[in-house]
Amino acid sequence: MASFAQWIEGARPRTLPNAVSPVIAGTGAAAWLGAAVWWKALLALAVAVALIIGVNYANDYSDGIRGTDDVRSGPLRLVGSRLASPRAVLTAALSSLAVGAVAGLALAAVSAPWLIAVGAVCIAGAWLYTGGKKPYGYLGLGEIAVFIFFGLVAVLGTQYTQALRIDWVGVVMAVVMGSLSSAVLVANNLRDIPTDAESGKITLAVRLGDARTRVLYQVLLGVALVGTLALTAATPWCLVGLLAAPLAVRAARPVRGGSGGAGLIPVLRDTGLTMLVWAVAVSLALVF
């Protein structure tokens, strides 16, 4: 039976920057419009964190019952390692998604009711990534979905619920967040190319192959640099986003160096930290 610590590890806390950073970025974009609302930001944060925990448990369940995680070099999976029953992990996934849904309904009620439809699509996307008869994560579409949900939707949704409009600053920040979120998944799937290919999980990394996947990862990191420079048109202080550059360089080093397997696990952490530092730094520049 899985311990509490193993359940926490199964929630994959290293992916939390993918949820927190877009909300910070969206709030910074709302502040640029003079419309930041702290309690709405907290509601958006609750939605994002609950959804990413839910999707992590859902992936654990769906990959586990398919046998995809029977041989794995990455972070702990509860079902694949036989530490928890599929039903228990499914319950954890549905409970987390339900928490996200409730927080999303509250946020939509005080912002715009049509956002309920957006939230429903997000929850469906969370489940169908590896769930259902034809999961899109097995078709090489995971990175596109992450770019949309944890980039465009998360950042622009956060900005809109507070300012009731979006602008080009929010769009640029959404593109950067979406690219860095996708980079996390690219690194994850790069590590799993051998086992995914063997189990029939045809991710984008499996389609591209090892070498081109490593190039894609570095291109996605480069988008953050381009976005930082673009945001100087709003205020030169956005150059503080370059504080994240050392973390990005550290994240890219194992990818550039040809590391594989467990050697790529730190890349997930460092890419997430790059996201978080960039979002905080640029948002503070836009606030002040």
Protein backbone atom coordinates (compact mmCIF):
# COMPACT_ATOMS: atom_id res chain seq x y z
CA MET A 1 0.00 0.00 0.00
CA ALA A 2 1.34 3.41 -0.98
CA SER A 3 2.45 5.70 1.83
CA PHE A 4 1.38 9.33 2.09
CA ALA A 5 4.78 10.40 0.74
CA GLN A 6 4.34 8.10 -2.26
CA TRP A 7 0.89 9.54 -2.97
CA ILE A 8 2.47 13.00 -2.92
CA GLU A 9 5.19 11.80 -5.30
CA GLY A 10 2.51 10.24 -7.49
CA ALA A 11 0.89 13.67 -7.82
CA ARG A 12 4.20 14.75 -9.43
CA PRO A 13 4.87 17.96 -7.48
CA ARG A 14 7.66 18.87 -9.92
CA THR A 15 4.95 19.71 -12.44
CA LEU A 16 3.30 22.27 -10.14
CA PRO A 17 5.21 25.20 -11.73
CA ASN A 18 3.26 24.35 -14.90
CA ALA A 19 0.10 25.27 -13.00
CA VAL A 20 1.34 28.10 -10.79
CA SER A 21 3.43 30.00 -13.36
CA PRO A 22 0.63 30.68 -15.89
CA VAL A 23 -1.61 32.07 -13.14
CA ILE A 24 1.18 34.39 -11.99
CA ALA A 25 1.77 35.45 -15.60
CA GLY A 26 -1.94 36.05 -16.21
CA THR A 27 -2.22 38.09 -13.03
CA GLY A 28 0.80 40.15 -14.09
CA ALA A 29 -0.87 40.76 -17.44
CA ALA A 30 -4.06 41.84 -15.65
CA ALA A 31 -2.00 44.16 -13.44
CA TRP A 32 -0.54 45.74 -16.58
CA LEU A 33 -4.14 46.68 -17.43
CA GLY A 34 -4.63 48.01 -13.90
CA ALA A 35 -7.13 45.29 -13.05
CA ALA A 36 -5.44 42.64 -10.88
CA VAL A 37 -7.84 41.05 -8.36
CA TRP A 38 -6.05 38.93 -5.78
CA TRP A 39 -8.96 36.70 -4.78
CA LYS A 40 -9.75 35.87 -8.39
CA ALA A 41 -6.08 35.02 -8.87
CA LEU A 42 -6.34 32.61 -5.94
CA LEU A 43 -9.42 30.97 -7.46
CA ALA A 44 -7.60 30.61 -10.77
CA LEU A 45 -4.66 29.10 -8.90
CA ALA A 46 -6.95 26.57 -7.22
CA VAL A 47 -8.33 25.58 -10.62
CA ALA A 48 -4.88 25.18 -12.17
CA VAL A 49 -3.34 23.22 -9.29
CA ALA A 50 -6.34 20.89 -8.94
CA LEU A 51 -6.40 20.20 -12.69
CA ILE A 52 -2.70 19.40 -12.96
CA ILE A 53 -2.85 17.05 -9.96
CA GLY A 54 -5.96 15.49 -11.47
CA VAL A 55 -4.33 14.98 -14.87
CA ASN A 56 -1.23 13.50 -13.24
CA TYR A 57 -3.28 10.93 -11.34
CA ALA A 58 -5.42 10.31 -14.43
CA ASN A 59 -2.27 9.62 -16.47
CA ASP A 60 -1.01 7.32 -13.72
CA TYR A 61 -4.28 5.39 -13.85
CA SER A 62 -4.68 5.21 -17.63
CA ASP A 63 -1.03 4.42 -18.41
CA GLY A 64 -0.97 1.94 -15.54
CA ILE A 65 -3.92 -0.16 -16.69
CA ARG A 66 -2.52 -0.18 -20.24
CA GLY A 67 0.85 -1.45 -19.03
CA THR A 68 2.72 1.60 -20.35
CA ASP A 69 4.41 2.15 -16.98
CA ASP A 70 5.47 -1.45 -16.33
CA VAL A 71 9.07 -0.52 -17.20
CA ARG A 72 9.85 3.06 -16.28
CA SER A 73 12.91 5.21 -15.52
CA GLY A 74 11.01 8.34 -14.53
CA PRO A 75 9.23 9.49 -11.35
CA LEU A 76 7.12 7.04 -9.36
CA ARG A 77 3.84 5.82 -10.85
CA LEU A 78 1.43 4.33 -8.35
CA VAL A 79 -0.47 1.88 -10.56
CA GLY A 80 2.50 0.81 -12.66
CA SER A 81 4.58 0.06 -9.55
CA ARG A 82 1.63 -1.80 -7.93
CA LEU A 83 1.73 0.51 -4.91
CA ALA A 84 -1.93 1.51 -5.25
CA SER A 85 -4.94 -0.04 -6.92
CA PRO A 86 -6.22 1.45 -10.17
CA ARG A 87 -9.53 2.27 -8.46
CA ALA A 88 -7.79 4.26 -5.71
CA VAL A 89 -5.76 6.28 -8.20
CA LEU A 90 -8.85 6.85 -10.36
CA THR A 91 -10.69 8.14 -7.29
CA ALA A 92 -7.82 10.54 -6.55
CA ALA A 93 -7.89 11.78 -10.15
CA LEU A 94 -11.65 12.36 -10.21
CA SER A 95 -11.58 14.03 -6.79
CA SER A 96 -8.88 16.47 -7.92
CA LEU A 97 -10.72 17.25 -11.14
CA ALA A 98 -13.91 17.82 -9.13
CA VAL A 99 -12.13 20.34 -6.90
CA GLY A 100 -10.94 22.14 -10.02
CA ALA A 101 -14.45 22.13 -11.43
CA VAL A 102 -15.94 23.67 -8.28
CA ALA A 103 -13.30 26.40 -8.16
CA GLY A 104 -13.81 27.00 -11.89
CA LEU A 105 -17.57 27.34 -11.48
CA ALA A 106 -17.05 29.91 -8.73
CA LEU A 107 -14.60 31.87 -10.89
CA ALA A 108 -16.91 31.78 -13.91
CA ALA A 109 -19.88 32.90 -11.79
CA VAL A 110 -18.09 36.11 -10.78
CA SER A 111 -16.49 36.74 -14.18
CA ALA A 112 -18.26 35.36 -17.26
CA PRO A 113 -20.63 32.34 -17.31
CA TRP A 114 -19.41 31.24 -20.76
CA LEU A 115 -16.11 30.31 -19.10
CA ILE A 116 -17.92 27.23 -17.76
CA ALA A 117 -17.73 25.77 -21.27
CA VAL A 118 -14.00 26.47 -21.39
CA GLY A 119 -13.57 24.71 -18.05
CA ALA A 120 -15.51 21.68 -19.30
CA VAL A 121 -13.19 21.43 -22.31
CA CYS A 122 -10.16 21.66 -19.99
CA ILE A 123 -11.43 18.81 -17.80
CA ALA A 124 -12.20 16.70 -20.87
CA GLY A 125 -8.71 17.43 -22.17
CA ALA A 126 -7.20 16.38 -18.84
CA TRP A 127 -8.95 13.02 -18.95
CA LEU A 128 -8.58 12.24 -22.66
CA TYR A 129 -4.83 12.90 -22.68
CA THR A 130 -4.22 9.26 -21.75
CA GLY A 131 -7.79 8.12 -21.05
CA GLY A 132 -10.52 6.85 -23.34
CA LYS A 133 -10.30 4.57 -26.36
CA LYS A 134 -8.09 6.90 -28.42
CA PRO A 135 -6.04 9.09 -26.04
CA TYR A 136 -4.51 12.01 -27.89
CA GLY A 137 -1.33 11.73 -25.83
CA TYR A 138 -0.70 8.45 -27.67
CA LEU A 139 -1.04 10.22 -31.03
CA GLY A 140 1.69 12.84 -30.60
CA LEU A 141 -0.70 15.68 -29.70
CA GLY A 142 0.24 16.13 -26.05
CA GLU A 143 2.54 19.10 -26.57
CA ILE A 144 -0.11 20.98 -28.56
CA ALA A 145 -2.67 20.37 -25.82
CA VAL A 146 -0.25 21.53 -23.11
CA PHE A 147 0.53 24.68 -25.10
CA ILE A 148 -3.19 25.44 -25.37
CA PHE A 149 -4.34 24.51 -21.86
CA PHE A 150 -1.33 25.54 -19.73
CA GLY A 151 -0.36 28.42 -21.96
CA LEU A 152 -3.13 30.18 -23.86
CA VAL A 153 -6.11 29.14 -21.72
CA ALA A 154 -4.40 29.41 -18.32
CA VAL A 155 -2.72 32.79 -18.87
CA LEU A 156 -5.40 34.51 -20.94
CA GLY A 157 -8.16 33.00 -18.81
CA THR A 158 -6.52 34.37 -15.67
CA GLN A 159 -6.08 37.78 -17.26
CA TYR A 160 -9.65 37.85 -18.56
CA THR A 161 -11.33 36.84 -15.30
CA GLN A 162 -9.63 39.78 -13.59
CA ALA A 163 -9.56 42.47 -16.30
CA LEU A 164 -12.53 41.22 -18.38
CA ARG A 165 -10.36 41.66 -21.48
CA ILE A 166 -7.04 40.50 -22.87
CA ASP A 167 -4.26 42.34 -24.70
CA TRP A 168 -1.05 41.64 -26.59
CA VAL A 169 1.00 41.52 -23.39
CA GLY A 170 -1.16 38.67 -22.14
CA VAL A 171 -0.85 36.89 -25.49
CA VAL A 172 2.96 37.07 -25.47
CA MET A 173 3.08 35.80 -21.88
CA ALA A 174 0.67 33.00 -22.80
CA VAL A 175 2.90 31.93 -25.70
CA VAL A 176 5.97 31.88 -23.45
CA MET A 177 4.19 29.90 -20.74
CA GLY A 178 2.76 27.48 -23.29
CA SER A 179 6.18 26.93 -24.84
CA LEU A 180 7.89 26.29 -21.51
CA SER A 181 5.08 23.98 -20.37
CA SER A 182 5.42 22.06 -23.63
CA ALA A 183 9.18 21.90 -23.08
CA VAL A 184 8.58 20.07 -19.79
CA LEU A 185 6.49 17.46 -21.61
CA VAL A 186 9.03 17.21 -24.44
CA ALA A 187 11.79 16.46 -21.90
CA ASN A 188 9.56 13.91 -20.18
CA ASN A 189 8.73 12.16 -23.45
CA LEU A 190 12.36 12.32 -24.63
CA ARG A 191 13.32 10.30 -21.56
CA ASP A 192 10.56 7.76 -22.26
CA ILE A 193 11.14 7.24 -26.01
CA PRO A 194 12.38 3.63 -25.66
CA THR A 195 9.61 2.42 -23.35
CA ASP A 196 6.85 4.45 -25.05
CA ALA A 197 7.78 3.08 -28.48
CA GLU A 198 7.76 -0.46 -27.13
CA SER A 199 4.36 -0.06 -25.45
CA GLY A 200 2.73 1.63 -28.46
CA LYS A 201 2.53 5.13 -26.95
CA ILE A 202 3.41 7.17 -30.04
CA THR A 203 4.27 10.54 -28.53
CA LEU A 204 5.66 13.45 -30.52
CA ALA A 205 9.12 12.47 -29.25
CA VAL A 206 8.68 8.95 -30.62
CA ARG A 207 7.61 10.41 -33.98
CA LEU A 208 10.49 12.88 -34.17
CA GLY A 209 13.18 10.64 -32.79
CA ASP A 210 15.82 11.42 -30.19
CA ALA A 211 17.90 14.01 -32.06
CA ARG A 212 15.05 16.16 -33.37
CA THR A 213 13.25 16.03 -30.01
CA ARG A 214 16.34 17.53 -28.37
CA VAL A 215 16.31 20.35 -30.94
CA LEU A 216 12.60 20.97 -30.33
CA TYR A 217 13.21 21.29 -26.59
CA GLN A 218 15.85 23.97 -27.13
CA VAL A 219 13.65 25.86 -29.59
CA LEU A 220 10.84 25.98 -27.03
CA LEU A 221 13.24 27.44 -24.46
CA GLY A 222 14.28 30.01 -27.05
CA VAL A 223 10.69 31.23 -27.33
CA ALA A 224 11.01 32.58 -23.77
CA LEU A 225 13.96 34.74 -24.85
CA VAL A 226 12.08 36.07 -27.87
CA GLY A 227 9.01 36.75 -25.72
CA THR A 228 11.10 38.61 -23.14
CA LEU A 229 12.52 40.89 -25.80
CA ALA A 230 9.06 41.47 -27.28
CA LEU A 231 7.68 42.52 -23.89
CA THR A 232 10.23 45.33 -23.63
CA ALA A 233 7.86 47.20 -25.94
CA ALA A 234 5.55 47.38 -22.92
CA THR A 235 8.30 48.27 -20.45
CA PRO A 236 12.08 47.78 -20.59
CA TRP A 237 11.86 46.37 -17.07
CA CYS A 238 10.61 43.11 -18.59
CA LEU A 239 14.26 42.35 -19.26
CA VAL A 240 14.34 41.09 -15.67
CA GLY A 241 12.85 37.96 -17.20
CA LEU A 242 16.42 37.16 -18.24
CA LEU A 243 17.03 36.22 -14.60
CA ALA A 244 15.60 32.87 -15.62
CA ALA A 245 18.33 32.38 -18.24
CA PRO A 246 20.82 30.54 -15.97
CA LEU A 247 18.10 28.05 -15.03
CA ALA A 248 17.23 27.55 -18.70
CA VAL A 249 20.89 26.92 -19.53
CA ARG A 250 21.13 24.39 -16.70
CA ALA A 251 17.93 22.71 -17.88
CA ALA A 252 19.17 22.44 -21.46
CA ARG A 253 22.62 21.09 -20.58
CA PRO A 254 21.61 17.39 -20.20
CA VAL A 255 19.46 17.63 -23.32
CA ARG A 256 22.31 19.11 -25.36
CA GLY A 257 24.75 16.66 -23.82
CA GLY A 258 22.82 13.58 -24.92
CA SER A 259 21.72 12.39 -21.47
CA GLY A 260 18.94 9.83 -21.33
CA GLY A 261 16.80 7.93 -18.85
CA ALA A 262 17.16 9.10 -15.26
CA GLY A 263 19.70 11.69 -16.41
CA LEU A 264 16.84 13.72 -17.87
CA ILE A 265 14.75 13.86 -14.68
CA PRO A 266 16.47 17.08 -13.44
CA VAL A 267 15.49 18.72 -16.73
CA LEU A 268 11.84 18.59 -15.66
CA ARG A 269 12.65 20.36 -12.39
CA ASP A 270 14.87 23.01 -13.97
CA THR A 271 12.45 23.75 -16.82
CA GLY A 272 9.67 24.20 -14.27
CA LEU A 273 11.87 26.54 -12.23
CA THR A 274 12.67 28.49 -15.40
CA MET A 275 8.93 28.98 -15.93
CA LEU A 276 8.35 30.08 -12.37
CA VAL A 277 11.23 32.55 -12.17
CA TRP A 278 10.35 34.04 -15.57
CA ALA A 279 6.67 34.44 -14.66
CA VAL A 280 7.42 36.06 -11.29
CA ALA A 281 10.10 38.40 -12.65
CA VAL A 282 8.12 39.63 -15.66
CA SER A 283 4.89 39.93 -13.69
CA LEU A 284 6.61 42.08 -11.07
CA ALA A 285 8.00 44.26 -13.86
CA LEU A 286 4.49 44.75 -15.23
CA VAL A 287 3.05 45.44 -11.78
CA PHE A 288 5.58 48.07 -10.74
